[in-house]
Amino acid sequence: MVSSAFMERQFTALLMPLARTYRRHVDRGLAAMSLSHSTALAVMLLGRLGDGVRQGTLAEELGVEAPSVVPMLDAMQRDGLVERRVDPQDKRARTLHLSPAGKALAAKAEVESAAIRARLFAGIAAEDVATAVCVLERLSRAIAATDQG
């Protein structure tokens, strides 16, 4: 019988390498659209969140600090994918709006990302995925509780 301590060590040891490998795999899959995983995720999130989301909200959804999204948004704006506007409620803040090209790209990225996930998860039972999601969520909550305490 394998000990729970061994399995916990194995599980946590897989997290970072898997995240890096997944990101590289998705980058290759999205290369035909000239998108990195980071840019694709930002475009898709903007599509999901809808027009007028603040830069800070996008950063929070991406799990990064607000200043780190600025270069990516600069590039997206140069590429004609997103427009920044002054927030009417707070002149210091900027809201983000996908252009028609950005909306089309977000839709294509959603389809391609779903296809990539379908290939990767082929043969893995939905129940196993649900269990893995549950474990990751509980681990995330445990880390957050430890960080607050």
N, C-alpha and C. Protein backbone atom coordinates (compact mmCIF):
# COMPACT_ATOMS: atom_id res chain seq x y z
N MET A 1 0.85 -1.19 0.00
CA MET A 1 0.00 0.00 0.00
C MET A 1 0.89 1.25 0.00
N VAL A 2 0.55 2.20 -0.83
CA VAL A 2 1.31 3.44 -0.93
C VAL A 2 0.82 4.40 0.15
N SER A 3 1.75 5.05 0.82
CA SER A 3 1.37 5.96 1.90
C SER A 3 0.77 7.25 1.34
N SER A 4 -0.09 7.87 2.15
CA SER A 4 -0.68 9.14 1.72
C SER A 4 0.39 10.22 1.61
N ALA A 5 1.41 10.18 2.46
CA ALA A 5 2.50 11.16 2.38
C ALA A 5 3.23 11.05 1.04
N PHE A 6 3.45 9.82 0.58
CA PHE A 6 4.11 9.61 -0.71
C PHE A 6 3.24 10.16 -1.84
N MET A 7 1.95 9.87 -1.81
CA MET A 7 1.04 10.34 -2.87
C MET A 7 0.92 11.87 -2.86
N GLU A 8 0.90 12.47 -1.68
CA GLU A 8 0.86 13.93 -1.59
C GLU A 8 2.12 14.54 -2.20
N ARG A 9 3.26 13.93 -1.90
CA ARG A 9 4.53 14.40 -2.46
C ARG A 9 4.52 14.26 -3.98
N GLN A 10 4.05 13.13 -4.47
CA GLN A 10 3.97 12.90 -5.92
C GLN A 10 3.04 13.92 -6.57
N PHE A 11 1.89 14.14 -5.96
CA PHE A 11 0.90 15.07 -6.50
C PHE A 11 1.48 16.48 -6.61
N THR A 12 2.06 16.96 -5.51
CA THR A 12 2.59 18.33 -5.54
C THR A 12 3.81 18.44 -6.45
N ALA A 13 4.59 17.37 -6.56
CA ALA A 13 5.76 17.40 -7.46
C ALA A 13 5.34 17.50 -8.92
N LEU A 14 4.16 17.04 -9.25
CA LEU A 14 3.67 17.09 -10.63
C LEU A 14 3.07 18.44 -11.02
N LEU A 15 2.66 19.23 -10.04
CA LEU A 15 1.92 20.46 -10.35
C LEU A 15 2.67 21.42 -11.27
N MET A 16 3.85 21.86 -10.88
CA MET A 16 4.57 22.87 -11.66
C MET A 16 5.03 22.34 -13.01
N PRO A 17 5.65 21.17 -13.08
CA PRO A 17 6.04 20.67 -14.41
C PRO A 17 4.84 20.49 -15.34
N LEU A 18 3.72 20.02 -14.79
CA LEU A 18 2.52 19.85 -15.61
C LEU A 18 2.02 21.20 -16.11
N ALA A 19 2.00 22.21 -15.25
CA ALA A 19 1.55 23.54 -15.67
C ALA A 19 2.43 24.07 -16.80
N ARG A 20 3.74 23.92 -16.67
CA ARG A 20 4.66 24.40 -17.72
C ARG A 20 4.46 23.62 -19.02
N THR A 21 4.36 22.31 -18.90
CA THR A 21 4.18 21.47 -20.09
C THR A 21 2.85 21.78 -20.78
N TYR A 22 1.81 21.94 -19.99
CA TYR A 22 0.49 22.27 -20.54
C TYR A 22 0.55 23.60 -21.29
N ARG A 23 1.18 24.59 -20.69
CA ARG A 23 1.29 25.91 -21.30
C ARG A 23 2.03 25.81 -22.64
N ARG A 24 3.15 25.08 -22.68
CA ARG A 24 3.90 24.91 -23.93
C ARG A 24 3.05 24.19 -24.98
N HIS A 25 2.31 23.18 -24.55
CA HIS A 25 1.45 22.43 -25.47
C HIS A 25 0.38 23.35 -26.06
N VAL A 26 -0.26 24.13 -25.22
CA VAL A 26 -1.30 25.05 -25.71
C VAL A 26 -0.68 26.12 -26.61
N ASP A 27 0.50 26.62 -26.24
CA ASP A 27 1.19 27.60 -27.10
C ASP A 27 1.38 27.03 -28.50
N ARG A 28 1.81 25.78 -28.60
CA ARG A 28 1.99 25.15 -29.92
C ARG A 28 0.66 25.04 -30.64
N GLY A 29 -0.39 24.68 -29.92
CA GLY A 29 -1.71 24.53 -30.53
C GLY A 29 -2.30 25.84 -31.03
N LEU A 30 -1.94 26.94 -30.36
CA LEU A 30 -2.48 28.25 -30.73
C LEU A 30 -1.55 29.03 -31.66
N ALA A 31 -0.40 28.46 -31.97
CA ALA A 31 0.60 29.17 -32.78
C ALA A 31 0.04 29.56 -34.15
N ALA A 32 -0.83 28.74 -34.72
CA ALA A 32 -1.40 29.06 -36.03
C ALA A 32 -2.21 30.35 -36.00
N MET A 33 -2.71 30.72 -34.82
CA MET A 33 -3.45 31.97 -34.67
C MET A 33 -2.55 33.10 -34.19
N SER A 34 -1.25 32.83 -34.11
CA SER A 34 -0.27 33.80 -33.61
C SER A 34 -0.59 34.24 -32.18
N LEU A 35 -1.04 33.28 -31.38
CA LEU A 35 -1.38 33.56 -29.98
C LEU A 35 -0.55 32.70 -29.05
N SER A 36 -0.13 33.30 -27.95
CA SER A 36 0.44 32.52 -26.86
C SER A 36 -0.70 32.12 -25.94
N HIS A 37 -0.43 31.20 -25.04
CA HIS A 37 -1.44 30.80 -24.05
C HIS A 37 -1.89 32.02 -23.25
N SER A 38 -0.95 32.88 -22.85
CA SER A 38 -1.28 34.05 -22.03
C SER A 38 -2.21 35.00 -22.77
N THR A 39 -1.87 35.31 -24.02
CA THR A 39 -2.70 36.23 -24.79
C THR A 39 -4.05 35.59 -25.10
N ALA A 40 -4.05 34.32 -25.45
CA ALA A 40 -5.31 33.63 -25.73
C ALA A 40 -6.21 33.65 -24.50
N LEU A 41 -5.62 33.38 -23.34
CA LEU A 41 -6.41 33.37 -22.11
C LEU A 41 -6.99 34.75 -21.84
N ALA A 42 -6.19 35.79 -22.04
CA ALA A 42 -6.68 37.16 -21.83
C ALA A 42 -7.81 37.49 -22.79
N VAL A 43 -7.65 37.15 -24.06
CA VAL A 43 -8.68 37.43 -25.06
C VAL A 43 -9.96 36.65 -24.72
N MET A 44 -9.80 35.37 -24.36
CA MET A 44 -10.97 34.57 -24.02
C MET A 44 -11.67 35.10 -22.77
N LEU A 45 -10.88 35.49 -21.76
CA LEU A 45 -11.49 36.04 -20.54
C LEU A 45 -12.24 37.33 -20.84
N LEU A 46 -11.65 38.19 -21.67
CA LEU A 46 -12.35 39.42 -22.04
C LEU A 46 -13.65 39.10 -22.76
N GLY A 47 -13.63 38.09 -23.61
CA GLY A 47 -14.85 37.67 -24.28
C GLY A 47 -15.89 37.15 -23.30
N ARG A 48 -15.45 36.40 -22.31
CA ARG A 48 -16.37 35.84 -21.32
C ARG A 48 -16.90 36.91 -20.36
N LEU A 49 -16.01 37.82 -19.95
CA LEU A 49 -16.39 38.84 -18.97
C LEU A 49 -17.24 39.94 -19.59
N GLY A 50 -17.08 40.16 -20.88
CA GLY A 50 -17.88 41.17 -21.58
C GLY A 50 -17.22 42.54 -21.60
N ASP A 51 -17.78 43.40 -22.40
CA ASP A 51 -17.24 44.75 -22.58
C ASP A 51 -17.23 45.55 -21.28
N GLY A 52 -16.19 46.35 -21.14
CA GLY A 52 -16.13 47.29 -20.04
C GLY A 52 -15.47 46.79 -18.78
N VAL A 53 -14.85 45.61 -18.83
CA VAL A 53 -14.17 45.10 -17.64
C VAL A 53 -12.92 45.95 -17.39
N ARG A 54 -12.60 46.17 -16.15
CA ARG A 54 -11.40 46.95 -15.80
C ARG A 54 -10.14 46.11 -15.95
N GLN A 55 -9.03 46.80 -16.22
CA GLN A 55 -7.74 46.12 -16.34
C GLN A 55 -7.43 45.32 -15.08
N GLY A 56 -7.71 45.89 -13.92
CA GLY A 56 -7.43 45.21 -12.66
C GLY A 56 -8.22 43.93 -12.51
N THR A 57 -9.45 43.93 -12.99
CA THR A 57 -10.28 42.72 -12.94
C THR A 57 -9.70 41.64 -13.83
N LEU A 58 -9.25 42.04 -15.02
CA LEU A 58 -8.62 41.06 -15.92
C LEU A 58 -7.38 40.47 -15.25
N ALA A 59 -6.56 41.32 -14.66
CA ALA A 59 -5.34 40.84 -13.98
C ALA A 59 -5.71 39.85 -12.88
N GLU A 60 -6.72 40.17 -12.11
CA GLU A 60 -7.16 39.28 -11.03
C GLU A 60 -7.62 37.94 -11.58
N GLU A 61 -8.39 37.97 -12.66
CA GLU A 61 -8.87 36.72 -13.27
C GLU A 61 -7.72 35.89 -13.84
N LEU A 62 -6.67 36.58 -14.31
CA LEU A 62 -5.49 35.89 -14.83
C LEU A 62 -4.57 35.41 -13.72
N GLY A 63 -4.79 35.91 -12.50
CA GLY A 63 -3.96 35.52 -11.36
C GLY A 63 -2.61 36.19 -11.35
N VAL A 64 -2.56 37.43 -11.86
CA VAL A 64 -1.31 38.18 -11.91
C VAL A 64 -1.53 39.57 -11.32
N GLU A 65 -0.43 40.27 -11.07
CA GLU A 65 -0.52 41.65 -10.60
C GLU A 65 -0.93 42.56 -11.76
N ALA A 66 -1.69 43.61 -11.44
CA ALA A 66 -2.21 44.51 -12.47
C ALA A 66 -1.13 45.06 -13.42
N PRO A 67 0.03 45.51 -12.90
CA PRO A 67 1.03 46.06 -13.83
C PRO A 67 1.54 45.05 -14.85
N SER A 68 1.46 43.77 -14.53
CA SER A 68 2.01 42.78 -15.46
C SER A 68 1.13 42.55 -16.69
N VAL A 69 -0.12 42.99 -16.67
CA VAL A 69 -0.96 42.85 -17.87
C VAL A 69 -0.76 43.99 -18.85
N VAL A 70 -0.13 45.07 -18.40
CA VAL A 70 0.01 46.25 -19.25
C VAL A 70 0.75 45.96 -20.56
N PRO A 71 1.94 45.32 -20.54
CA PRO A 71 2.61 45.05 -21.81
C PRO A 71 1.78 44.17 -22.76
N MET A 72 1.09 43.18 -22.20
CA MET A 72 0.25 42.32 -23.02
C MET A 72 -0.90 43.12 -23.63
N LEU A 73 -1.53 43.99 -22.83
CA LEU A 73 -2.61 44.81 -23.35
C LEU A 73 -2.10 45.82 -24.37
N ASP A 74 -0.89 46.35 -24.15
CA ASP A 74 -0.29 47.24 -25.15
C ASP A 74 -0.18 46.52 -26.49
N ALA A 75 0.32 45.29 -26.47
CA ALA A 75 0.47 44.52 -27.71
C ALA A 75 -0.89 44.20 -28.33
N MET A 76 -1.86 43.84 -27.49
CA MET A 76 -3.20 43.54 -28.00
C MET A 76 -3.83 44.78 -28.62
N GLN A 77 -3.57 45.94 -28.02
CA GLN A 77 -4.10 47.18 -28.57
C GLN A 77 -3.43 47.49 -29.91
N ARG A 78 -2.11 47.33 -29.98
CA ARG A 78 -1.38 47.55 -31.24
C ARG A 78 -1.89 46.62 -32.34
N ASP A 79 -2.26 45.40 -31.95
CA ASP A 79 -2.75 44.42 -32.92
C ASP A 79 -4.23 44.63 -33.28
N GLY A 80 -4.85 45.63 -32.67
CA GLY A 80 -6.25 45.94 -32.98
C GLY A 80 -7.25 44.98 -32.36
N LEU A 81 -6.87 44.32 -31.27
CA LEU A 81 -7.75 43.35 -30.63
C LEU A 81 -8.56 43.95 -29.49
N VAL A 82 -8.02 44.96 -28.85
CA VAL A 82 -8.66 45.53 -27.66
C VAL A 82 -8.52 47.05 -27.68
N GLU A 83 -9.50 47.69 -27.09
CA GLU A 83 -9.47 49.14 -26.93
C GLU A 83 -9.59 49.45 -25.44
N ARG A 84 -8.77 50.39 -24.99
CA ARG A 84 -8.86 50.85 -23.60
C ARG A 84 -9.61 52.17 -23.59
N ARG A 85 -10.50 52.28 -22.61
CA ARG A 85 -11.26 53.53 -22.45
C ARG A 85 -11.21 53.96 -20.99
N VAL A 86 -11.34 55.26 -20.79
CA VAL A 86 -11.40 55.78 -19.42
C VAL A 86 -12.71 55.31 -18.80
N ASP A 87 -12.63 54.79 -17.59
CA ASP A 87 -13.81 54.33 -16.87
C ASP A 87 -14.63 55.54 -16.46
N PRO A 88 -15.90 55.62 -16.88
CA PRO A 88 -16.72 56.79 -16.52
C PRO A 88 -16.93 56.94 -15.01
N GLN A 89 -16.84 55.82 -14.25
CA GLN A 89 -17.01 55.88 -12.79
C GLN A 89 -15.74 56.30 -12.07
N ASP A 90 -14.59 56.06 -12.69
CA ASP A 90 -13.31 56.35 -12.05
C ASP A 90 -12.30 56.70 -13.14
N LYS A 91 -12.01 57.96 -13.27
CA LYS A 91 -11.15 58.45 -14.36
C LYS A 91 -9.74 57.87 -14.31
N ARG A 92 -9.32 57.35 -13.15
CA ARG A 92 -7.98 56.74 -13.04
C ARG A 92 -7.95 55.34 -13.64
N ALA A 93 -9.10 54.71 -13.73
CA ALA A 93 -9.18 53.32 -14.21
C ALA A 93 -9.46 53.27 -15.71
N ARG A 94 -9.10 52.15 -16.31
CA ARG A 94 -9.35 51.91 -17.72
C ARG A 94 -10.23 50.68 -17.86
N THR A 95 -11.17 50.77 -18.80
CA THR A 95 -11.99 49.61 -19.12
C THR A 95 -11.51 49.04 -20.46
N LEU A 96 -11.77 47.77 -20.64
CA LEU A 96 -11.30 47.07 -21.83
C LEU A 96 -12.48 46.63 -22.68
N HIS A 97 -12.29 46.77 -23.98
CA HIS A 97 -13.36 46.45 -24.94
C HIS A 97 -12.73 45.72 -26.12
N LEU A 98 -13.18 44.50 -26.38
CA LEU A 98 -12.66 43.77 -27.53
C LEU A 98 -13.19 44.41 -28.81
N SER A 99 -12.32 44.55 -29.78
CA SER A 99 -12.73 45.01 -31.11
C SER A 99 -13.44 43.85 -31.80
N PRO A 100 -14.07 44.10 -32.95
CA PRO A 100 -14.65 42.98 -33.69
C PRO A 100 -13.60 41.89 -33.99
N ALA A 101 -12.39 42.30 -34.34
CA ALA A 101 -11.31 41.32 -34.59
C ALA A 101 -10.98 40.57 -33.31
N GLY A 102 -10.98 41.26 -32.17
CA GLY A 102 -10.71 40.63 -30.88
C GLY A 102 -11.80 39.63 -30.51
N LYS A 103 -13.06 39.99 -30.79
CA LYS A 103 -14.16 39.07 -30.49
C LYS A 103 -14.08 37.82 -31.36
N ALA A 104 -13.74 38.01 -32.64
CA ALA A 104 -13.60 36.86 -33.54
C ALA A 104 -12.45 35.96 -33.09
N LEU A 105 -11.35 36.58 -32.69
CA LEU A 105 -10.20 35.81 -32.22
C LEU A 105 -10.52 35.08 -30.92
N ALA A 106 -11.25 35.73 -30.03
CA ALA A 106 -11.65 35.09 -28.78
C ALA A 106 -12.49 33.84 -29.06
N ALA A 107 -13.42 33.96 -30.00
CA ALA A 107 -14.26 32.81 -30.35
C ALA A 107 -13.43 31.68 -30.94
N LYS A 108 -12.49 32.01 -31.84
CA LYS A 108 -11.62 30.98 -32.43
C LYS A 108 -10.73 30.34 -31.36
N ALA A 109 -10.22 31.16 -30.45
CA ALA A 109 -9.36 30.64 -29.38
C ALA A 109 -10.14 29.71 -28.45
N GLU A 110 -11.39 30.05 -28.18
CA GLU A 110 -12.23 29.18 -27.34
C GLU A 110 -12.41 27.82 -28.00
N VAL A 111 -12.68 27.82 -29.31
CA VAL A 111 -12.88 26.56 -30.04
C VAL A 111 -11.59 25.74 -30.04
N GLU A 112 -10.46 26.38 -30.36
CA GLU A 112 -9.19 25.65 -30.41
C GLU A 112 -8.78 25.15 -29.03
N SER A 113 -8.98 25.97 -28.00
CA SER A 113 -8.64 25.55 -26.63
C SER A 113 -9.49 24.36 -26.20
N ALA A 114 -10.77 24.39 -26.56
CA ALA A 114 -11.65 23.26 -26.23
C ALA A 114 -11.18 22.00 -26.95
N ALA A 115 -10.75 22.14 -28.19
CA ALA A 115 -10.26 20.98 -28.95
C ALA A 115 -8.98 20.42 -28.32
N ILE A 116 -8.10 21.30 -27.89
CA ILE A 116 -6.86 20.87 -27.23
C ILE A 116 -7.19 20.11 -25.95
N ARG A 117 -8.09 20.68 -25.14
CA ARG A 117 -8.47 20.00 -23.89
C ARG A 117 -9.12 18.65 -24.18
N ALA A 118 -9.97 18.59 -25.20
CA ALA A 118 -10.64 17.33 -25.54
C ALA A 118 -9.62 16.26 -25.89
N ARG A 119 -8.59 16.64 -26.66
CA ARG A 119 -7.54 15.66 -27.01
C ARG A 119 -6.78 15.21 -25.76
N LEU A 120 -6.45 16.16 -24.89
CA LEU A 120 -5.66 15.83 -23.71
C LEU A 120 -6.43 15.00 -22.70
N PHE A 121 -7.72 15.26 -22.57
CA PHE A 121 -8.54 14.55 -21.59
C PHE A 121 -9.20 13.29 -22.15
N ALA A 122 -8.95 13.00 -23.42
CA ALA A 122 -9.53 11.78 -24.02
C ALA A 122 -9.07 10.57 -23.21
N GLY A 123 -10.01 9.73 -22.87
CA GLY A 123 -9.67 8.52 -22.12
C GLY A 123 -9.63 8.70 -20.62
N ILE A 124 -9.82 9.92 -20.15
CA ILE A 124 -9.87 10.16 -18.70
C ILE A 124 -11.34 10.33 -18.32
N ALA A 125 -11.80 9.53 -17.40
CA ALA A 125 -13.21 9.56 -16.99
C ALA A 125 -13.57 10.91 -16.38
N ALA A 126 -14.77 11.37 -16.68
CA ALA A 126 -15.25 12.65 -16.14
C ALA A 126 -15.20 12.65 -14.62
N GLU A 127 -15.45 11.50 -14.01
CA GLU A 127 -15.41 11.40 -12.55
C GLU A 127 -14.00 11.64 -12.02
N ASP A 128 -13.00 11.15 -12.75
CA ASP A 128 -11.61 11.37 -12.35
C ASP A 128 -11.24 12.85 -12.46
N VAL A 129 -11.71 13.48 -13.52
CA VAL A 129 -11.45 14.92 -13.69
C VAL A 129 -12.13 15.69 -12.57
N ALA A 130 -13.37 15.33 -12.26
CA ALA A 130 -14.10 16.00 -11.18
C ALA A 130 -13.37 15.84 -9.85
N THR A 131 -12.85 14.66 -9.58
CA THR A 131 -12.09 14.43 -8.35
C THR A 131 -10.83 15.28 -8.32
N ALA A 132 -10.13 15.33 -9.45
CA ALA A 132 -8.91 16.14 -9.53
C ALA A 132 -9.22 17.62 -9.30
N VAL A 133 -10.30 18.10 -9.90
CA VAL A 133 -10.70 19.50 -9.70
C VAL A 133 -11.01 19.75 -8.23
N CYS A 134 -11.72 18.84 -7.61
CA CYS A 134 -12.06 18.96 -6.19
C CYS A 134 -10.79 19.03 -5.33
N VAL A 135 -9.84 18.16 -5.61
CA VAL A 135 -8.58 18.15 -4.85
C VAL A 135 -7.83 19.47 -5.04
N LEU A 136 -7.75 19.94 -6.28
CA LEU A 136 -7.04 21.20 -6.54
C LEU A 136 -7.72 22.38 -5.86
N GLU A 137 -9.05 22.40 -5.89
CA GLU A 137 -9.77 23.48 -5.21
C GLU A 137 -9.54 23.45 -3.71
N ARG A 138 -9.56 22.26 -3.12
CA ARG A 138 -9.33 22.14 -1.67
C ARG A 138 -7.91 22.53 -1.32
N LEU A 139 -6.95 22.14 -2.13
CA LEU A 139 -5.56 22.53 -1.91
C LEU A 139 -5.41 24.04 -2.02
N SER A 140 -6.08 24.64 -2.99
CA SER A 140 -6.04 26.09 -3.15
C SER A 140 -6.60 26.80 -1.92
N ARG A 141 -7.72 26.29 -1.41
CA ARG A 141 -8.31 26.89 -0.20
C ARG A 141 -7.40 26.71 1.01
N ALA A 142 -6.75 25.56 1.12
CA ALA A 142 -5.83 25.32 2.24
C ALA A 142 -4.65 26.28 2.19
N ILE A 143 -4.12 26.51 0.99
CA ILE A 143 -3.01 27.46 0.83
C ILE A 143 -3.47 28.86 1.19
N ALA A 144 -4.65 29.25 0.71
CA ALA A 144 -5.17 30.59 1.01
C ALA A 144 -5.37 30.77 2.51
N ALA A 145 -5.90 29.75 3.17
CA ALA A 145 -6.11 29.83 4.62
C ALA A 145 -4.79 29.95 5.36
N THR A 146 -3.78 29.22 4.92
CA THR A 146 -2.46 29.29 5.54
C THR A 146 -1.83 30.66 5.32
N ASP A 147 -1.99 31.20 4.11
CA ASP A 147 -1.44 32.53 3.80
C ASP A 147 -2.09 33.63 4.64
N GLN A 148 -3.38 33.46 4.95
CA GLN A 148 -4.09 34.47 5.74
C GLN A 148 -3.77 34.35 7.22
N GLY A 149 -3.46 33.16 7.66
CA GLY A 149 -3.27 32.90 9.08
C GLY A 149 -1.92 33.24 9.53
